N, C-alpha and C. Protein backbone atom coordinates (compact mmCIF):
# COMPACT_ATOMS: atom_id res chain seq x y z
N MET A 1 -8.53 -1.16 13.77
CA MET A 1 -9.73 -1.97 13.67
C MET A 1 -9.83 -2.52 12.25
N ARG A 2 -10.12 -3.81 12.14
CA ARG A 2 -10.21 -4.45 10.84
C ARG A 2 -11.65 -4.84 10.54
N ASP A 3 -12.04 -4.60 9.31
CA ASP A 3 -13.32 -5.09 8.82
C ASP A 3 -13.03 -6.37 8.05
N PRO A 4 -14.03 -7.24 7.92
CA PRO A 4 -13.80 -8.43 7.09
C PRO A 4 -13.39 -8.00 5.68
N THR A 5 -12.52 -8.77 5.11
CA THR A 5 -12.04 -8.48 3.77
C THR A 5 -13.10 -8.85 2.76
N GLY A 6 -13.39 -7.92 1.87
CA GLY A 6 -14.32 -8.20 0.78
C GLY A 6 -13.52 -8.53 -0.45
N THR A 7 -13.66 -9.72 -0.95
CA THR A 7 -12.88 -10.10 -2.12
C THR A 7 -13.77 -10.77 -3.15
N THR A 8 -13.37 -10.65 -4.38
CA THR A 8 -13.91 -11.47 -5.45
C THR A 8 -12.71 -12.21 -6.02
N ARG A 9 -12.94 -13.01 -7.00
CA ARG A 9 -11.86 -13.81 -7.57
C ARG A 9 -10.66 -12.97 -8.02
N HIS A 10 -10.91 -11.80 -8.59
CA HIS A 10 -9.84 -10.99 -9.17
C HIS A 10 -9.63 -9.66 -8.45
N GLU A 11 -10.31 -9.44 -7.33
CA GLU A 11 -10.22 -8.17 -6.62
C GLU A 11 -9.99 -8.39 -5.14
N LEU A 12 -9.40 -7.37 -4.51
CA LEU A 12 -9.16 -7.39 -3.08
C LEU A 12 -9.65 -6.08 -2.49
N SER A 13 -10.43 -6.15 -1.43
CA SER A 13 -10.89 -4.96 -0.72
C SER A 13 -10.62 -5.15 0.76
N ILE A 14 -10.02 -4.12 1.36
CA ILE A 14 -9.71 -4.14 2.79
C ILE A 14 -10.13 -2.78 3.35
N THR A 15 -10.86 -2.79 4.45
CA THR A 15 -11.25 -1.56 5.12
C THR A 15 -10.65 -1.55 6.51
N ARG A 16 -10.01 -0.46 6.85
CA ARG A 16 -9.41 -0.30 8.18
C ARG A 16 -9.82 1.05 8.76
N ILE A 17 -9.92 1.10 10.07
CA ILE A 17 -10.11 2.35 10.80
C ILE A 17 -8.82 2.64 11.55
N PHE A 18 -8.23 3.81 11.30
CA PHE A 18 -7.01 4.23 11.97
C PHE A 18 -7.32 5.37 12.93
N ASP A 19 -6.75 5.32 14.11
CA ASP A 19 -6.97 6.35 15.13
C ASP A 19 -6.03 7.53 14.87
N ALA A 20 -6.28 8.20 13.74
CA ALA A 20 -5.48 9.35 13.32
C ALA A 20 -6.29 10.14 12.30
N PRO A 21 -6.04 11.45 12.20
CA PRO A 21 -6.74 12.23 11.19
C PRO A 21 -6.34 11.83 9.78
N ARG A 22 -7.25 11.98 8.84
CA ARG A 22 -6.98 11.50 7.48
C ARG A 22 -5.82 12.21 6.82
N GLU A 23 -5.56 13.47 7.14
CA GLU A 23 -4.41 14.16 6.55
C GLU A 23 -3.11 13.43 6.91
N LEU A 24 -3.04 12.95 8.14
CA LEU A 24 -1.85 12.22 8.58
C LEU A 24 -1.78 10.84 7.93
N VAL A 25 -2.89 10.13 7.86
CA VAL A 25 -2.90 8.80 7.24
C VAL A 25 -2.50 8.93 5.77
N PHE A 26 -3.04 9.92 5.08
CA PHE A 26 -2.67 10.15 3.68
C PHE A 26 -1.16 10.43 3.58
N ALA A 27 -0.65 11.30 4.44
CA ALA A 27 0.77 11.66 4.42
C ALA A 27 1.67 10.44 4.62
N VAL A 28 1.27 9.55 5.52
CA VAL A 28 2.06 8.35 5.80
C VAL A 28 2.11 7.45 4.57
N TRP A 29 1.11 7.49 3.73
CA TRP A 29 1.09 6.71 2.49
C TRP A 29 2.05 7.26 1.45
N VAL A 30 2.28 8.57 1.43
CA VAL A 30 2.98 9.17 0.29
C VAL A 30 4.31 9.81 0.61
N GLN A 31 4.65 9.99 1.87
CA GLN A 31 5.90 10.64 2.23
C GLN A 31 6.99 9.59 2.50
N THR A 32 8.12 9.75 1.82
CA THR A 32 9.16 8.73 1.87
C THR A 32 9.82 8.58 3.23
N ASP A 33 9.67 9.54 4.12
CA ASP A 33 10.22 9.35 5.46
C ASP A 33 9.34 8.45 6.32
N HIS A 34 8.07 8.27 5.94
CA HIS A 34 7.16 7.39 6.68
C HIS A 34 7.11 5.96 6.11
N ILE A 35 7.21 5.82 4.82
CA ILE A 35 7.00 4.52 4.16
C ILE A 35 7.86 3.40 4.74
N PRO A 36 9.13 3.60 5.02
CA PRO A 36 9.94 2.49 5.55
C PRO A 36 9.46 1.94 6.89
N HIS A 37 8.65 2.70 7.61
CA HIS A 37 8.17 2.26 8.92
C HIS A 37 7.02 1.24 8.83
N TRP A 38 6.38 1.15 7.67
CA TRP A 38 5.20 0.27 7.61
C TRP A 38 5.07 -0.54 6.33
N TRP A 39 5.81 -0.24 5.31
CA TRP A 39 5.60 -0.88 4.01
C TRP A 39 6.12 -2.32 4.01
N GLY A 40 5.34 -3.21 3.45
CA GLY A 40 5.75 -4.59 3.28
C GLY A 40 5.34 -5.45 4.45
N PRO A 41 5.25 -6.74 4.23
CA PRO A 41 4.92 -7.63 5.33
C PRO A 41 6.01 -7.62 6.39
N ARG A 42 5.68 -8.13 7.56
CA ARG A 42 6.69 -8.23 8.63
C ARG A 42 7.85 -9.10 8.13
N GLY A 43 9.03 -8.74 8.55
CA GLY A 43 10.20 -9.47 8.10
C GLY A 43 10.89 -8.82 6.92
N TYR A 44 10.32 -7.75 6.38
CA TYR A 44 10.92 -7.02 5.27
C TYR A 44 11.43 -5.68 5.76
N ALA A 45 12.57 -5.25 5.25
CA ALA A 45 13.12 -3.94 5.56
C ALA A 45 13.17 -3.13 4.27
N THR A 46 12.72 -1.90 4.31
CA THR A 46 12.75 -1.03 3.14
C THR A 46 14.18 -0.56 2.89
N LEU A 47 14.67 -0.82 1.69
CA LEU A 47 16.01 -0.38 1.30
C LEU A 47 15.98 1.02 0.70
N SER A 48 14.93 1.28 -0.08
CA SER A 48 14.78 2.60 -0.70
C SER A 48 13.32 2.79 -1.08
N CYS A 49 12.92 4.06 -1.15
CA CYS A 49 11.58 4.35 -1.64
C CYS A 49 11.59 5.71 -2.32
N GLU A 50 10.80 5.78 -3.37
CA GLU A 50 10.67 7.00 -4.16
C GLU A 50 9.19 7.21 -4.46
N VAL A 51 8.73 8.45 -4.35
CA VAL A 51 7.35 8.78 -4.69
C VAL A 51 7.34 10.13 -5.39
N ASP A 52 6.91 10.15 -6.64
CA ASP A 52 6.69 11.39 -7.38
C ASP A 52 5.18 11.62 -7.38
N LEU A 53 4.71 12.34 -6.38
CA LEU A 53 3.28 12.44 -6.08
C LEU A 53 2.57 13.42 -7.01
N ARG A 54 2.30 12.93 -8.21
CA ARG A 54 1.52 13.68 -9.20
C ARG A 54 1.00 12.68 -10.22
N PRO A 55 -0.10 12.98 -10.87
CA PRO A 55 -0.56 12.07 -11.92
C PRO A 55 0.53 11.87 -12.96
N GLY A 56 0.84 10.62 -13.24
CA GLY A 56 1.93 10.28 -14.16
C GLY A 56 3.26 10.09 -13.46
N GLY A 57 3.34 10.46 -12.17
CA GLY A 57 4.57 10.28 -11.41
C GLY A 57 4.78 8.81 -11.06
N LYS A 58 6.03 8.44 -10.92
CA LYS A 58 6.35 7.05 -10.60
C LYS A 58 6.64 6.90 -9.11
N TRP A 59 6.40 5.68 -8.62
CA TRP A 59 6.75 5.33 -7.25
C TRP A 59 7.47 3.98 -7.29
N ARG A 60 8.32 3.74 -6.30
CA ARG A 60 9.04 2.47 -6.22
C ARG A 60 9.49 2.25 -4.79
N VAL A 61 9.34 1.02 -4.30
CA VAL A 61 9.84 0.63 -2.98
C VAL A 61 10.64 -0.66 -3.16
N ALA A 62 11.90 -0.62 -2.73
CA ALA A 62 12.76 -1.81 -2.75
C ALA A 62 12.91 -2.30 -1.31
N SER A 63 12.81 -3.62 -1.12
CA SER A 63 12.85 -4.20 0.22
C SER A 63 13.74 -5.43 0.26
N ARG A 64 14.19 -5.76 1.47
CA ARG A 64 14.96 -6.98 1.68
C ARG A 64 14.26 -7.80 2.75
N HIS A 65 14.02 -9.07 2.44
CA HIS A 65 13.42 -10.00 3.39
C HIS A 65 14.50 -10.45 4.37
N GLU A 66 14.07 -10.89 5.54
CA GLU A 66 15.04 -11.36 6.54
C GLU A 66 15.86 -12.54 6.06
N ASP A 67 15.40 -13.26 5.03
CA ASP A 67 16.18 -14.36 4.47
C ASP A 67 17.24 -13.86 3.49
N GLY A 68 17.30 -12.53 3.27
CA GLY A 68 18.31 -11.94 2.39
C GLY A 68 17.84 -11.67 0.98
N SER A 69 16.67 -12.15 0.61
CA SER A 69 16.16 -11.92 -0.74
C SER A 69 15.63 -10.49 -0.88
N ASP A 70 15.82 -9.91 -2.08
CA ASP A 70 15.37 -8.56 -2.36
C ASP A 70 14.15 -8.59 -3.28
N THR A 71 13.25 -7.62 -3.07
CA THR A 71 12.09 -7.46 -3.93
C THR A 71 11.93 -5.96 -4.21
N ALA A 72 11.20 -5.65 -5.27
CA ALA A 72 10.87 -4.26 -5.56
C ALA A 72 9.47 -4.19 -6.14
N GLU A 73 8.75 -3.19 -5.70
CA GLU A 73 7.41 -2.89 -6.20
C GLU A 73 7.47 -1.53 -6.84
N THR A 74 6.69 -1.34 -7.90
CA THR A 74 6.74 -0.10 -8.64
C THR A 74 5.39 0.19 -9.27
N GLY A 75 5.24 1.40 -9.72
CA GLY A 75 4.00 1.77 -10.40
C GLY A 75 3.98 3.23 -10.78
N VAL A 76 2.81 3.64 -11.24
CA VAL A 76 2.58 5.01 -11.68
C VAL A 76 1.39 5.57 -10.91
N ILE A 77 1.53 6.79 -10.43
CA ILE A 77 0.43 7.48 -9.77
C ILE A 77 -0.57 7.89 -10.85
N ARG A 78 -1.81 7.52 -10.66
CA ARG A 78 -2.84 7.88 -11.63
C ARG A 78 -3.68 9.06 -11.16
N GLU A 79 -3.93 9.14 -9.87
CA GLU A 79 -4.80 10.19 -9.35
C GLU A 79 -4.36 10.54 -7.94
N VAL A 80 -4.34 11.84 -7.64
CA VAL A 80 -4.04 12.33 -6.30
C VAL A 80 -5.11 13.36 -5.96
N ASP A 81 -5.89 13.08 -4.94
CA ASP A 81 -6.87 14.02 -4.42
C ASP A 81 -6.67 14.05 -2.90
N ALA A 82 -5.58 14.74 -2.50
CA ALA A 82 -5.21 14.77 -1.08
C ALA A 82 -6.25 15.55 -0.28
N PRO A 83 -6.63 15.06 0.89
CA PRO A 83 -6.22 13.83 1.55
C PRO A 83 -7.26 12.72 1.43
N SER A 84 -8.06 12.74 0.36
CA SER A 84 -9.19 11.81 0.32
C SER A 84 -9.03 10.61 -0.61
N ARG A 85 -8.12 10.67 -1.60
CA ARG A 85 -8.08 9.56 -2.56
C ARG A 85 -6.71 9.51 -3.24
N LEU A 86 -6.27 8.27 -3.47
CA LEU A 86 -5.02 8.00 -4.16
C LEU A 86 -5.24 6.79 -5.06
N VAL A 87 -4.87 6.91 -6.33
CA VAL A 87 -5.00 5.80 -7.28
C VAL A 87 -3.63 5.61 -7.94
N LEU A 88 -3.18 4.34 -7.97
CA LEU A 88 -1.87 4.04 -8.56
C LEU A 88 -1.86 2.64 -9.13
N THR A 89 -0.89 2.40 -10.00
CA THR A 89 -0.68 1.03 -10.46
C THR A 89 0.33 0.38 -9.52
N HIS A 90 0.29 -0.95 -9.48
CA HIS A 90 1.20 -1.71 -8.62
C HIS A 90 1.70 -2.92 -9.40
N ALA A 91 3.03 -3.08 -9.44
CA ALA A 91 3.62 -4.25 -10.10
C ALA A 91 4.89 -4.64 -9.36
N TRP A 92 5.18 -5.92 -9.37
CA TRP A 92 6.45 -6.43 -8.84
C TRP A 92 7.47 -6.39 -9.97
N GLU A 93 8.69 -6.00 -9.64
CA GLU A 93 9.76 -6.03 -10.63
C GLU A 93 10.42 -7.41 -10.62
N ASP A 94 10.84 -7.87 -11.80
CA ASP A 94 11.61 -9.11 -11.85
C ASP A 94 13.08 -8.80 -11.54
N ALA A 95 13.93 -9.80 -11.60
CA ALA A 95 15.34 -9.63 -11.23
C ALA A 95 16.07 -8.61 -12.10
N SER A 96 15.58 -8.40 -13.32
CA SER A 96 16.22 -7.42 -14.21
C SER A 96 15.63 -6.02 -14.07
N GLY A 97 14.65 -5.86 -13.17
CA GLY A 97 14.04 -4.55 -12.95
C GLY A 97 12.84 -4.27 -13.83
N LYS A 98 12.40 -5.27 -14.58
CA LYS A 98 11.24 -5.09 -15.46
C LYS A 98 9.95 -5.37 -14.67
N PRO A 99 8.98 -4.44 -14.71
CA PRO A 99 7.73 -4.67 -13.99
C PRO A 99 6.92 -5.81 -14.61
N GLY A 100 6.29 -6.58 -13.72
CA GLY A 100 5.39 -7.65 -14.16
C GLY A 100 4.00 -7.09 -14.38
N PRO A 101 2.98 -7.96 -14.38
CA PRO A 101 1.61 -7.51 -14.59
C PRO A 101 1.19 -6.50 -13.51
N ALA A 102 0.54 -5.43 -13.94
CA ALA A 102 0.13 -4.37 -13.02
C ALA A 102 -1.32 -4.54 -12.59
N THR A 103 -1.55 -4.16 -11.35
CA THR A 103 -2.91 -4.04 -10.83
C THR A 103 -3.17 -2.56 -10.54
N ILE A 104 -4.43 -2.22 -10.34
CA ILE A 104 -4.80 -0.85 -10.00
C ILE A 104 -5.19 -0.83 -8.52
N VAL A 105 -4.56 0.07 -7.77
CA VAL A 105 -4.84 0.24 -6.35
C VAL A 105 -5.54 1.58 -6.17
N THR A 106 -6.67 1.54 -5.49
CA THR A 106 -7.43 2.75 -5.15
C THR A 106 -7.59 2.79 -3.64
N ILE A 107 -7.13 3.89 -3.04
CA ILE A 107 -7.26 4.05 -1.60
C ILE A 107 -8.09 5.30 -1.35
N THR A 108 -9.15 5.11 -0.57
CA THR A 108 -10.02 6.22 -0.20
C THR A 108 -9.89 6.44 1.30
N PHE A 109 -9.75 7.70 1.70
CA PHE A 109 -9.55 8.07 3.10
C PHE A 109 -10.75 8.91 3.53
N VAL A 110 -11.50 8.43 4.51
CA VAL A 110 -12.71 9.11 4.97
C VAL A 110 -12.54 9.50 6.43
N GLU A 111 -12.74 10.78 6.73
CA GLU A 111 -12.66 11.27 8.12
C GLU A 111 -13.92 10.84 8.86
N GLU A 112 -13.74 10.23 10.03
CA GLU A 112 -14.86 9.81 10.87
C GLU A 112 -14.53 10.09 12.33
N ASP A 113 -15.05 11.21 12.85
CA ASP A 113 -14.88 11.57 14.26
C ASP A 113 -13.41 11.57 14.69
N GLY A 114 -12.56 12.19 13.90
CA GLY A 114 -11.14 12.28 14.25
C GLY A 114 -10.32 11.07 13.88
N LYS A 115 -10.98 10.04 13.38
CA LYS A 115 -10.29 8.83 12.93
C LYS A 115 -10.39 8.78 11.41
N THR A 116 -9.71 7.84 10.82
CA THR A 116 -9.73 7.70 9.36
C THR A 116 -10.16 6.30 8.98
N LYS A 117 -11.20 6.24 8.17
CA LYS A 117 -11.60 4.98 7.54
C LYS A 117 -10.86 4.92 6.21
N MET A 118 -10.02 3.91 6.06
CA MET A 118 -9.28 3.71 4.83
C MET A 118 -9.91 2.53 4.08
N ILE A 119 -10.32 2.80 2.86
CA ILE A 119 -10.90 1.75 2.01
C ILE A 119 -9.88 1.49 0.90
N PHE A 120 -9.34 0.28 0.93
CA PHE A 120 -8.28 -0.12 0.01
C PHE A 120 -8.88 -1.11 -0.98
N HIS A 121 -8.65 -0.88 -2.27
CA HIS A 121 -9.14 -1.79 -3.31
C HIS A 121 -8.03 -2.02 -4.32
N GLN A 122 -7.82 -3.29 -4.69
CA GLN A 122 -6.80 -3.64 -5.68
C GLN A 122 -7.38 -4.64 -6.66
N ALA A 123 -7.16 -4.40 -7.96
CA ALA A 123 -7.66 -5.29 -9.00
C ALA A 123 -6.83 -5.05 -10.28
N SER A 124 -6.74 -5.90 -11.12
CA SER A 124 -7.35 -7.19 -11.22
C SER A 124 -6.24 -8.23 -11.20
N PHE A 125 -6.39 -9.23 -10.38
CA PHE A 125 -5.37 -10.26 -10.20
C PHE A 125 -5.54 -11.38 -11.21
N ASP A 126 -4.40 -11.95 -11.62
CA ASP A 126 -4.43 -13.06 -12.57
C ASP A 126 -4.94 -14.35 -11.94
N THR A 127 -4.60 -14.55 -10.64
CA THR A 127 -5.00 -15.78 -9.97
C THR A 127 -5.46 -15.47 -8.54
N VAL A 128 -6.20 -16.39 -7.98
CA VAL A 128 -6.64 -16.27 -6.60
C VAL A 128 -5.43 -16.33 -5.67
N GLU A 129 -4.44 -17.14 -6.01
CA GLU A 129 -3.25 -17.27 -5.18
C GLU A 129 -2.48 -15.95 -5.09
N VAL A 130 -2.37 -15.25 -6.21
CA VAL A 130 -1.70 -13.95 -6.20
C VAL A 130 -2.51 -12.97 -5.35
N ARG A 131 -3.82 -12.97 -5.53
CA ARG A 131 -4.68 -12.09 -4.72
C ARG A 131 -4.50 -12.38 -3.24
N ASP A 132 -4.51 -13.66 -2.87
CA ASP A 132 -4.40 -14.04 -1.46
C ASP A 132 -3.04 -13.65 -0.87
N GLY A 133 -1.99 -13.73 -1.68
CA GLY A 133 -0.68 -13.28 -1.22
C GLY A 133 -0.67 -11.78 -0.94
N HIS A 134 -1.31 -11.03 -1.79
CA HIS A 134 -1.43 -9.58 -1.57
C HIS A 134 -2.27 -9.29 -0.33
N GLU A 135 -3.32 -10.04 -0.12
CA GLU A 135 -4.15 -9.82 1.06
C GLU A 135 -3.33 -9.99 2.35
N LEU A 136 -2.56 -11.05 2.41
CA LEU A 136 -1.71 -11.28 3.57
C LEU A 136 -0.70 -10.15 3.75
N GLY A 137 -0.01 -9.79 2.67
CA GLY A 137 1.01 -8.75 2.75
C GLY A 137 0.44 -7.39 3.12
N TRP A 138 -0.67 -7.00 2.49
CA TRP A 138 -1.26 -5.70 2.81
C TRP A 138 -1.78 -5.67 4.24
N ASN A 139 -2.39 -6.74 4.70
CA ASN A 139 -2.89 -6.71 6.08
C ASN A 139 -1.76 -6.58 7.09
N GLU A 140 -0.64 -7.25 6.86
CA GLU A 140 0.50 -7.07 7.75
C GLU A 140 1.03 -5.64 7.65
N SER A 141 1.09 -5.10 6.45
CA SER A 141 1.52 -3.70 6.28
C SER A 141 0.59 -2.75 7.02
N PHE A 142 -0.72 -2.98 6.91
CA PHE A 142 -1.67 -2.08 7.56
C PHE A 142 -1.62 -2.21 9.08
N ASP A 143 -1.29 -3.40 9.59
CA ASP A 143 -1.05 -3.54 11.03
C ASP A 143 0.13 -2.65 11.44
N MET A 144 1.21 -2.67 10.64
CA MET A 144 2.37 -1.85 10.95
C MET A 144 2.09 -0.36 10.73
N LEU A 145 1.23 -0.05 9.76
CA LEU A 145 0.83 1.34 9.55
C LEU A 145 0.13 1.87 10.80
N ALA A 146 -0.77 1.08 11.37
CA ALA A 146 -1.46 1.47 12.61
C ALA A 146 -0.45 1.68 13.76
N GLU A 147 0.53 0.79 13.84
CA GLU A 147 1.56 0.91 14.88
C GLU A 147 2.38 2.19 14.68
N HIS A 148 2.73 2.47 13.43
CA HIS A 148 3.51 3.68 13.13
C HIS A 148 2.70 4.93 13.46
N LEU A 149 1.42 4.95 13.10
CA LEU A 149 0.57 6.10 13.41
C LEU A 149 0.50 6.33 14.92
N ALA A 150 0.47 5.26 15.69
CA ALA A 150 0.39 5.39 17.15
C ALA A 150 1.68 5.97 17.74
N GLU A 151 2.79 5.82 17.02
CA GLU A 151 4.09 6.29 17.50
C GLU A 151 4.39 7.74 17.11
N ILE A 152 3.71 8.25 16.11
CA ILE A 152 4.04 9.62 15.65
C ILE A 152 3.03 10.66 16.15
């Protein structure tokens, strides 16, 4: 279930309800055996993923688009309060592996009658176009996350 996206010029907020307990939804976010099943917009395949799930730990997901182009996202875990909250930085790597401008991603997981309300917030974007690209990508990822949860 999707709620309307709440956005400001430099921020993105997405709320989703997943038909799964929050412990499972949290696990799917942080366990490397689950991430390749849902990470990235449709048309991307996860090549590798790493998650050092602790404050100060690094995470990275490398993907290949169906057109053959490769991308990588990376960041640092800032806060872990399993299974209710995860805070991390998010940046795209350039071709040399150097991270670009970072945003802060905060995900809150709320148990609601056996389902999970996930509140996703990302800020601060340099441009509206960058924010809108993230909105499209995250929504496709969250559609696939729901599909993956239904399969496990």
